């Protein structure tokens, strides 16, 4: 196994109007989460899923 390969795991999603949400799981090919406060986040509230796409 490639040690640099991303580990795949289910990602829960409660945003019902996101295109990638299917039965409260994210089905996007890739997932991008960024900080809302620059390069570092202090809490999960300081982060945002930028993969979101409105239905």
N, C-alpha and C. Protein backbone atom coordinates (compact mmCIF):
# COMPACT_ATOMS: atom_id res chain seq x y z
N UNK A 1 0.85 -1.19 0.00
CA UNK A 1 0.00 0.00 0.00
C UNK A 1 0.88 1.24 0.00
N UNK A 2 0.53 2.22 -0.79
CA UNK A 2 1.26 3.48 -0.87
C UNK A 2 1.09 4.25 0.44
N UNK A 3 2.20 4.55 1.12
CA UNK A 3 2.10 5.24 2.41
C UNK A 3 1.58 6.66 2.27
N UNK A 4 1.58 7.22 1.05
CA UNK A 4 1.07 8.56 0.82
C UNK A 4 -0.38 8.58 0.35
N UNK A 5 -0.97 7.41 0.17
CA UNK A 5 -2.35 7.32 -0.29
C UNK A 5 -3.29 7.78 0.82
N UNK A 6 -4.35 8.48 0.45
CA UNK A 6 -5.33 8.95 1.42
C UNK A 6 -6.16 7.78 1.91
N UNK A 7 -6.43 7.78 3.19
CA UNK A 7 -7.28 6.76 3.78
C UNK A 7 -8.73 7.11 3.50
N UNK A 8 -9.50 6.16 3.01
CA UNK A 8 -10.91 6.40 2.72
C UNK A 8 -11.74 6.01 3.94
N UNK A 9 -12.66 6.90 4.29
CA UNK A 9 -13.56 6.62 5.40
C UNK A 9 -14.87 7.35 5.16
N UNK A 10 -15.96 6.87 5.73
CA UNK A 10 -17.23 7.56 5.57
C UNK A 10 -17.16 8.95 6.20
N UNK A 11 -17.74 9.94 5.54
CA UNK A 11 -17.81 11.30 6.06
C UNK A 11 -19.27 11.66 6.24
N UNK A 12 -19.68 11.90 7.48
CA UNK A 12 -21.06 12.28 7.77
C UNK A 12 -21.31 13.71 7.30
N UNK A 13 -22.52 13.94 6.82
CA UNK A 13 -22.91 15.27 6.36
C UNK A 13 -24.37 15.51 6.73
N UNK A 14 -24.64 16.63 7.38
CA UNK A 14 -26.02 16.96 7.74
C UNK A 14 -26.59 18.09 6.89
N UNK A 15 -25.85 18.52 5.86
CA UNK A 15 -26.30 19.60 4.99
C UNK A 15 -27.16 19.00 3.88
N UNK A 16 -28.46 19.04 4.09
CA UNK A 16 -29.38 18.33 3.20
C UNK A 16 -29.48 18.91 1.80
N UNK A 17 -29.05 20.18 1.61
CA UNK A 17 -29.13 20.76 0.28
C UNK A 17 -27.80 20.67 -0.48
N UNK A 18 -26.86 19.86 0.02
CA UNK A 18 -25.59 19.67 -0.70
C UNK A 18 -25.77 18.54 -1.73
N UNK A 19 -25.27 18.78 -2.93
CA UNK A 19 -25.35 17.80 -4.02
C UNK A 19 -24.74 16.46 -3.62
N UNK A 20 -23.70 16.49 -2.81
CA UNK A 20 -22.95 15.28 -2.48
C UNK A 20 -23.52 14.51 -1.29
N UNK A 21 -24.52 15.05 -0.63
CA UNK A 21 -25.12 14.38 0.53
C UNK A 21 -26.11 13.33 0.05
N UNK A 22 -25.85 12.10 0.44
CA UNK A 22 -26.76 11.00 0.14
C UNK A 22 -26.94 10.21 1.43
N UNK A 23 -28.12 10.27 1.99
CA UNK A 23 -28.43 9.58 3.25
C UNK A 23 -27.47 9.99 4.36
N UNK A 24 -27.19 11.28 4.44
CA UNK A 24 -26.33 11.88 5.48
C UNK A 24 -24.87 11.44 5.40
N UNK A 25 -24.43 11.02 4.21
CA UNK A 25 -23.03 10.70 3.98
C UNK A 25 -22.55 11.48 2.75
N UNK A 26 -21.30 11.97 2.81
CA UNK A 26 -20.73 12.70 1.69
C UNK A 26 -20.25 11.73 0.62
N UNK A 27 -20.68 11.97 -0.62
CA UNK A 27 -20.30 11.11 -1.74
C UNK A 27 -19.49 11.87 -2.79
N UNK A 28 -18.81 12.94 -2.38
CA UNK A 28 -17.94 13.68 -3.28
C UNK A 28 -16.69 12.84 -3.56
N UNK A 29 -16.11 13.01 -4.75
CA UNK A 29 -14.87 12.30 -5.10
C UNK A 29 -13.72 12.72 -4.21
N UNK A 30 -13.67 14.00 -3.86
CA UNK A 30 -12.66 14.52 -2.95
C UNK A 30 -13.37 15.45 -1.98
N UNK A 31 -12.74 15.68 -0.85
CA UNK A 31 -13.32 16.54 0.18
C UNK A 31 -12.28 17.58 0.57
N UNK A 32 -12.69 18.85 0.58
CA UNK A 32 -11.77 19.90 0.98
C UNK A 32 -12.37 20.68 2.15
N UNK A 33 -11.61 20.76 3.23
CA UNK A 33 -12.01 21.51 4.41
C UNK A 33 -10.95 22.56 4.67
N UNK A 34 -11.38 23.80 4.83
CA UNK A 34 -10.44 24.90 5.03
C UNK A 34 -10.76 25.66 6.31
N UNK A 35 -9.78 26.41 6.78
CA UNK A 35 -9.95 27.27 7.95
C UNK A 35 -10.63 28.56 7.52
N UNK A 36 -11.51 29.06 8.36
CA UNK A 36 -12.17 30.34 8.12
C UNK A 36 -11.33 31.49 8.65
N UNK A 37 -10.29 31.17 9.40
CA UNK A 37 -9.51 32.20 10.10
C UNK A 37 -8.05 32.23 9.67
N UNK A 38 -7.78 31.96 8.41
CA UNK A 38 -6.40 31.95 7.93
C UNK A 38 -5.91 30.53 7.73
N UNK A 39 -4.68 30.24 8.16
CA UNK A 39 -4.11 28.91 7.95
C UNK A 39 -4.33 27.95 9.10
N UNK A 40 -4.80 28.45 10.25
CA UNK A 40 -5.00 27.59 11.42
C UNK A 40 -6.41 27.76 11.96
N UNK A 41 -6.93 26.67 12.48
CA UNK A 41 -8.25 26.71 13.11
C UNK A 41 -8.08 26.38 14.59
N UNK A 42 -8.84 27.07 15.42
CA UNK A 42 -8.79 26.80 16.86
C UNK A 42 -9.81 25.76 17.28
N UNK A 43 -10.94 25.73 16.57
CA UNK A 43 -12.01 24.77 16.86
C UNK A 43 -12.65 24.35 15.54
N UNK A 44 -13.52 23.37 15.61
CA UNK A 44 -14.21 22.93 14.39
C UNK A 44 -15.11 24.04 13.84
N UNK A 45 -15.55 24.96 14.69
CA UNK A 45 -16.36 26.09 14.23
C UNK A 45 -15.56 27.03 13.33
N UNK A 46 -14.23 26.94 13.37
CA UNK A 46 -13.36 27.77 12.54
C UNK A 46 -13.07 27.12 11.19
N UNK A 47 -13.77 26.04 10.85
CA UNK A 47 -13.53 25.33 9.60
C UNK A 47 -14.77 25.35 8.72
N UNK A 48 -14.56 25.03 7.43
CA UNK A 48 -15.65 25.08 6.46
C UNK A 48 -15.38 24.06 5.36
N UNK A 49 -16.41 23.31 4.99
CA UNK A 49 -16.31 22.37 3.87
C UNK A 49 -16.47 23.17 2.58
N UNK A 50 -15.39 23.30 1.82
CA UNK A 50 -15.47 24.06 0.57
C UNK A 50 -15.80 23.17 -0.62
N UNK A 51 -16.10 21.91 -0.37
CA UNK A 51 -16.56 20.99 -1.40
C UNK A 51 -18.05 21.20 -1.67
N UNK A 52 -18.75 21.80 -0.72
CA UNK A 52 -20.20 22.03 -0.80
C UNK A 52 -20.63 22.56 -2.16
N UNK A 53 -21.69 21.96 -2.70
CA UNK A 53 -22.31 22.43 -3.93
C UNK A 53 -23.82 22.33 -3.75
N UNK A 54 -24.50 23.46 -3.84
CA UNK A 54 -25.94 23.51 -3.64
C UNK A 54 -26.67 22.68 -4.71
N UNK A 55 -27.71 21.97 -4.29
CA UNK A 55 -28.50 21.17 -5.23
C UNK A 55 -29.26 22.06 -6.19
